[in-house]
Structure formats: C-alpha cells, structure tokens
Amino acid sequence: MHIHVSSQNGEVKYWIEPEIELAQNIGFSEKQLNEVKHFILKHKNEITDAWIKHFNS
C-alpha cells in the first residue's frame, strides 16, 4: 500500500504499510518530505480506507 504526492516541484511516493516509509523522491525538499509524512500520519486511516475501497472495487 502506497501513496503518491505530486506538486510543481516533483513527485514523492511513500509506502503506507507495513510502516510509513519514503519509497521515492523526485524534487521535494526535506521540509516538504516532513510535511507530507506528517500529513500521512495524521490521515493514515482515511488514506488506508480510500486505498482499500479503490483497489478492492
């Protein structure tokens, strides 16, 4: 399970399971990476539910 985040600066991919972990970074600063990771931590349940709903439909 993973999530992609895109911006005008680039794209980042984080694994969500088994742990939140950076998989790929193209163009994001360390500060931006920390902000994305914090957002994922805060919304992990919602992201996981949406991922399951999308891929199990």
PDB file of N, CA and C in Angstrom:
ATOM      1  N   MET A   1       0.849  -1.160   0.000  1.00  0.00           N
ATOM      2  CA  MET A   1       0.000   0.000   0.000  1.00  0.00           C
ATOM      3  C   MET A   1       0.904   1.235   0.000  1.00  0.00           C
ATOM      4  N   HIS A   2       0.608   2.176  -0.886  1.00  0.00           N
ATOM      5  CA  HIS A   2       1.445   3.361  -1.001  1.00  0.00           C
ATOM      6  C   HIS A   2       0.598   4.553  -1.444  1.00  0.00           C
ATOM      7  N   ILE A   3       1.227   5.710  -1.402  1.00  0.00           N
ATOM      8  CA  ILE A   3       0.578   6.946  -1.838  1.00  0.00           C
ATOM      9  C   ILE A   3       1.596   7.779  -2.615  1.00  0.00           C
ATOM     10  N   HIS A   4       1.106   8.418  -3.678  1.00  0.00           N
ATOM     11  CA  HIS A   4       1.914   9.348  -4.463  1.00  0.00           C
ATOM     12  C   HIS A   4       1.425  10.762  -4.179  1.00  0.00           C
ATOM     13  N   VAL A   5       2.356  11.686  -4.075  1.00  0.00           N
ATOM     14  CA  VAL A   5       2.031  13.094  -3.897  1.00  0.00           C
ATOM     15  C   VAL A   5       2.796  13.859  -4.955  1.00  0.00           C
ATOM     16  N   SER A   6       2.066  14.659  -5.741  1.00  0.00           N
ATOM     17  CA  SER A   6       2.689  15.447  -6.806  1.00  0.00           C
ATOM     18  C   SER A   6       2.525  16.931  -6.517  1.00  0.00           C
ATOM     19  N   SER A   7       3.503  17.697  -6.955  1.00  0.00           N
ATOM     20  CA  SER A   7       3.434  19.149  -6.871  1.00  0.00           C
ATOM     21  C   SER A   7       4.222  19.708  -8.051  1.00  0.00           C
ATOM     22  N   GLN A   8       4.268  21.008  -8.156  1.00  0.00           N
ATOM     23  CA  GLN A   8       5.044  21.619  -9.232  1.00  0.00           C
ATOM     24  C   GLN A   8       6.538  21.354  -9.056  1.00  0.00           C
ATOM     25  N   ASN A   9       6.942  20.961  -7.837  1.00  0.00           N
ATOM     26  CA  ASN A   9       8.349  20.666  -7.560  1.00  0.00           C
ATOM     27  C   ASN A   9       8.760  19.262  -7.969  1.00  0.00           C
ATOM     28  N   GLY A  10       7.792  18.344  -8.064  1.00  0.00           N
ATOM     29  CA  GLY A  10       8.137  16.975  -8.384  1.00  0.00           C
ATOM     30  C   GLY A  10       7.100  16.002  -7.862  1.00  0.00           C
ATOM     31  N   GLU A  11       7.573  14.814  -7.508  1.00  0.00           N
ATOM     32  CA  GLU A  11       6.674  13.768  -7.020  1.00  0.00           C
ATOM     33  C   GLU A  11       7.380  12.950  -5.950  1.00  0.00           C
ATOM     34  N   VAL A  12       6.573  12.472  -5.007  1.00  0.00           N
ATOM     35  CA  VAL A  12       7.098  11.647  -3.931  1.00  0.00           C
ATOM     36  C   VAL A  12       6.161  10.453  -3.753  1.00  0.00           C
ATOM     37  N   LYS A  13       6.740   9.328  -3.362  1.00  0.00           N
ATOM     38  CA  LYS A  13       5.967   8.119  -3.091  1.00  0.00           C
ATOM     39  C   LYS A  13       6.345   7.626  -1.703  1.00  0.00           C
ATOM     40  N   TYR A  14       5.319   7.343  -0.898  1.00  0.00           N
ATOM     41  CA  TYR A  14       5.520   6.786   0.433  1.00  0.00           C
ATOM     42  C   TYR A  14       4.818   5.445   0.522  1.00  0.00           C
ATOM     43  N   TRP A  15       5.485   4.456   1.084  1.00  0.00           N
ATOM     44  CA  TRP A  15       4.831   3.222   1.480  1.00  0.00           C
ATOM     45  C   TRP A  15       4.020   3.539   2.713  1.00  0.00           C
ATOM     46  N   ILE A  16       2.835   2.956   2.814  1.00  0.00           N
ATOM     47  CA  ILE A  16       1.993   3.160   3.988  1.00  0.00           C
ATOM     48  C   ILE A  16       2.026   1.935   4.885  1.00  0.00           C
ATOM     49  N   GLU A  17       2.167   0.784   4.302  1.00  0.00           N
ATOM     50  CA  GLU A  17       2.217  -0.475   5.048  1.00  0.00           C
ATOM     51  C   GLU A  17       3.499  -1.208   4.689  1.00  0.00           C
ATOM     52  N   PRO A  18       4.174  -1.879   5.562  1.00  0.00           N
ATOM     53  CA  PRO A  18       3.794  -2.066   6.957  1.00  0.00           C
ATOM     54  C   PRO A  18       4.064  -0.831   7.812  1.00  0.00           C
ATOM     55  N   GLU A  19       4.947   0.065   7.338  1.00  0.00           N
ATOM     56  CA  GLU A  19       5.224   1.314   8.042  1.00  0.00           C
ATOM     57  C   GLU A  19       5.280   2.435   7.028  1.00  0.00           C
ATOM     58  N   ILE A  20       5.064   3.664   7.480  1.00  0.00           N
ATOM     59  CA  ILE A  20       5.189   4.816   6.594  1.00  0.00           C
ATOM     60  C   ILE A  20       6.669   5.032   6.327  1.00  0.00           C
ATOM     61  N   GLU A  21       7.039   4.897   5.044  1.00  0.00           N
ATOM     62  CA  GLU A  21       8.447   4.952   4.670  1.00  0.00           C
ATOM     63  C   GLU A  21       8.576   5.554   3.275  1.00  0.00           C
ATOM     64  N   LEU A  22       9.540   6.438   3.104  1.00  0.00           N
ATOM     65  CA  LEU A  22       9.783   7.051   1.812  1.00  0.00           C
ATOM     66  C   LEU A  22      10.247   5.998   0.814  1.00  0.00           C
ATOM     67  N   ALA A  23       9.580   5.939  -0.336  1.00  0.00           N
ATOM     68  CA  ALA A  23       9.949   4.994  -1.376  1.00  0.00           C
ATOM     69  C   ALA A  23      10.701   5.688  -2.503  1.00  0.00           C
ATOM     70  N   GLN A  24      10.268   6.909  -2.860  1.00  0.00           N
ATOM     71  CA  GLN A  24      10.903   7.628  -3.964  1.00  0.00           C
ATOM     72  C   GLN A  24      10.671   9.120  -3.791  1.00  0.00           C
ATOM     73  N   ASN A  25      11.676   9.907  -4.134  1.00  0.00           N
ATOM     74  CA  ASN A  25      11.572  11.351  -4.061  1.00  0.00           C
ATOM     75  C   ASN A  25      12.195  11.961  -5.293  1.00  0.00           C
ATOM     76  N   ILE A  26      11.407  12.744  -6.013  1.00  0.00           N
ATOM     77  CA  ILE A  26      11.923  13.478  -7.168  1.00  0.00           C
ATOM     78  C   ILE A  26      11.562  14.949  -6.968  1.00  0.00           C
ATOM     79  N   GLY A  27      12.483  15.726  -6.431  1.00  0.00           N
ATOM     80  CA  GLY A  27      12.325  17.166  -6.363  1.00  0.00           C
ATOM     81  C   GLY A  27      11.786  17.765  -5.078  1.00  0.00           C
ATOM     82  N   PHE A  28      11.400  16.973  -4.099  1.00  0.00           N
ATOM     83  CA  PHE A  28      10.887  17.527  -2.851  1.00  0.00           C
ATOM     84  C   PHE A  28      12.045  17.830  -1.895  1.00  0.00           C
ATOM     85  N   SER A  29      11.921  18.930  -1.167  1.00  0.00           N
ATOM     86  CA  SER A  29      12.918  19.273  -0.158  1.00  0.00           C
ATOM     87  C   SER A  29      12.680  18.434   1.093  1.00  0.00           C
ATOM     88  N   GLU A  30      13.641  18.441   1.984  1.00  0.00           N
ATOM     89  CA  GLU A  30      13.500  17.719   3.257  1.00  0.00           C
ATOM     90  C   GLU A  30      12.302  18.239   4.046  1.00  0.00           C
ATOM     91  N   LYS A  31      12.113  19.555   4.023  1.00  0.00           N
ATOM     92  CA  LYS A  31      10.970  20.159   4.717  1.00  0.00           C
ATOM     93  C   LYS A  31       9.653  19.654   4.120  1.00  0.00           C
ATOM     94  N   GLN A  32       9.566  19.614   2.814  1.00  0.00           N
ATOM     95  CA  GLN A  32       8.347  19.132   2.159  1.00  0.00           C
ATOM     96  C   GLN A  32       8.105  17.653   2.465  1.00  0.00           C
ATOM     97  N   LEU A  33       9.165  16.859   2.479  1.00  0.00           N
ATOM     98  CA  LEU A  33       9.035  15.443   2.812  1.00  0.00           C
ATOM     99  C   LEU A  33       8.466  15.269   4.216  1.00  0.00           C
ATOM    100  N   ASN A  34       8.956  16.068   5.151  1.00  0.00           N
ATOM    101  CA  ASN A  34       8.460  16.000   6.528  1.00  0.00           C
ATOM    102  C   ASN A  34       6.989  16.412   6.607  1.00  0.00           C
ATOM    103  N   GLU A  35       6.603  17.425   5.836  1.00  0.00           N
ATOM    104  CA  GLU A  35       5.207  17.863   5.825  1.00  0.00           C
ATOM    105  C   GLU A  35       4.297  16.771   5.264  1.00  0.00           C
ATOM    106  N   VAL A  36       4.723  16.123   4.181  1.00  0.00           N
ATOM    107  CA  VAL A  36       3.936  15.047   3.582  1.00  0.00           C
ATOM    108  C   VAL A  36       3.821  13.881   4.560  1.00  0.00           C
ATOM    109  N   LYS A  37       4.935  13.502   5.176  1.00  0.00           N
ATOM    110  CA  LYS A  37       4.903  12.384   6.118  1.00  0.00           C
ATOM    111  C   LYS A  37       3.978  12.696   7.296  1.00  0.00           C
ATOM    112  N   HIS A  38       4.034  13.902   7.798  1.00  0.00           N
ATOM    113  CA  HIS A  38       3.159  14.305   8.899  1.00  0.00           C
ATOM    114  C   HIS A  38       1.692  14.211   8.471  1.00  0.00           C
ATOM    115  N   PHE A  39       1.386  14.668   7.258  1.00  0.00           N
ATOM    116  CA  PHE A  39       0.026  14.595   6.749  1.00  0.00           C
ATOM    117  C   PHE A  39      -0.440  13.139   6.651  1.00  0.00           C
ATOM    118  N   ILE A  40       0.431  12.266   6.145  1.00  0.00           N
ATOM    119  CA  ILE A  40       0.095  10.847   6.032  1.00  0.00           C
ATOM    120  C   ILE A  40      -0.160  10.254   7.411  1.00  0.00           C
ATOM    121  N   LEU A  41       0.683  10.563   8.377  1.00  0.00           N
ATOM    122  CA  LEU A  41       0.489  10.064   9.735  1.00  0.00           C
ATOM    123  C   LEU A  41      -0.861  10.514  10.303  1.00  0.00           C
ATOM    124  N   LYS A  42      -1.186  11.769  10.080  1.00  0.00           N
ATOM    125  CA  LYS A  42      -2.417  12.342  10.613  1.00  0.00           C
ATOM    126  C   LYS A  42      -3.653  11.719   9.963  1.00  0.00           C
ATOM    127  N   HIS A  43      -3.551  11.345   8.687  1.00  0.00           N
ATOM    128  CA  HIS A  43      -4.703  10.872   7.921  1.00  0.00           C
ATOM    129  C   HIS A  43      -4.562   9.418   7.465  1.00  0.00           C
ATOM    130  N   LYS A  44      -3.715   8.661   8.147  1.00  0.00           N
ATOM    131  CA  LYS A  44      -3.425   7.289   7.707  1.00  0.00           C
ATOM    132  C   LYS A  44      -4.677   6.431   7.573  1.00  0.00           C
ATOM    133  N   ASN A  45      -5.577   6.506   8.538  1.00  0.00           N
ATOM    134  CA  ASN A  45      -6.787   5.682   8.470  1.00  0.00           C
ATOM    135  C   ASN A  45      -7.642   6.036   7.258  1.00  0.00           C
ATOM    136  N   GLU A  46      -7.809   7.317   6.986  1.00  0.00           N
ATOM    137  CA  GLU A  46      -8.597   7.752   5.833  1.00  0.00           C
ATOM    138  C   GLU A  46      -7.936   7.319   4.524  1.00  0.00           C
ATOM    139  N   ILE A  47      -6.623   7.466   4.442  1.00  0.00           N
ATOM    140  CA  ILE A  47      -5.887   7.082   3.241  1.00  0.00           C
ATOM    141  C   ILE A  47      -5.982   5.578   3.024  1.00  0.00           C
ATOM    142  N   THR A  48      -5.802   4.821   4.094  1.00  0.00           N
ATOM    143  CA  THR A  48      -5.884   3.363   4.003  1.00  0.00           C
ATOM    144  C   THR A  48      -7.273   2.924   3.560  1.00  0.00           C
ATOM    145  N   ASP A  49      -8.311   3.497   4.148  1.00  0.00           N
ATOM    146  CA  ASP A  49      -9.685   3.153   3.771  1.00  0.00           C
ATOM    147  C   ASP A  49      -9.950   3.469   2.297  1.00  0.00           C
ATOM    148  N   ALA A  50      -9.507   4.626   1.837  1.00  0.00           N
ATOM    149  CA  ALA A  50      -9.712   5.009   0.438  1.00  0.00           C
ATOM    150  C   ALA A  50      -8.942   4.086  -0.500  1.00  0.00           C
ATOM    151  N   TRP A  51      -7.734   3.704  -0.113  1.00  0.00           N
ATOM    152  CA  TRP A  51      -6.911   2.811  -0.934  1.00  0.00           C
ATOM    153  C   TRP A  51      -7.607   1.461  -1.081  1.00  0.00           C
ATOM    154  N   ILE A  52      -8.093   0.923   0.038  1.00  0.00           N
ATOM    155  CA  ILE A  52      -8.774  -0.373   0.020  1.00  0.00           C
ATOM    156  C   ILE A  52     -10.046  -0.291  -0.820  1.00  0.00           C
ATOM    157  N   LYS A  53     -10.814   0.772  -0.633  1.00  0.00           N
ATOM    158  CA  LYS A  53     -12.051   0.949  -1.400  1.00  0.00           C
ATOM    159  C   LYS A  53     -11.745   1.026  -2.897  1.00  0.00           C
ATOM    160  N   HIS A  54     -10.718   1.752  -3.264  1.00  0.00           N
ATOM    161  CA  HIS A  54     -10.378   1.924  -4.675  1.00  0.00           C
ATOM    162  C   HIS A  54      -9.885   0.629  -5.311  1.00  0.00           C
ATOM    163  N   PHE A  55      -8.997  -0.080  -4.641  1.00  0.00           N
ATOM    164  CA  PHE A  55      -8.372  -1.246  -5.254  1.00  0.00           C
ATOM    165  C   PHE A  55      -9.146  -2.546  -5.044  1.00  0.00           C
ATOM    166  N   ASN A  56     -10.124  -2.539  -4.160  1.00  0.00           N
ATOM    167  CA  ASN A  56     -10.938  -3.743  -3.956  1.00  0.00           C
ATOM    168  C   ASN A  56     -12.301  -3.631  -4.635  1.00  0.00           C
ATOM    169  N   SER A  57     -12.491  -2.567  -5.420  1.00  0.00           N
ATOM    170  CA  SER A  57     -13.784  -2.431  -6.080  1.00  0.00           C
ATOM    171  C   SER A  57     -13.789  -3.053  -7.456  1.00  0.00           C
TER     172      SER A  57
END
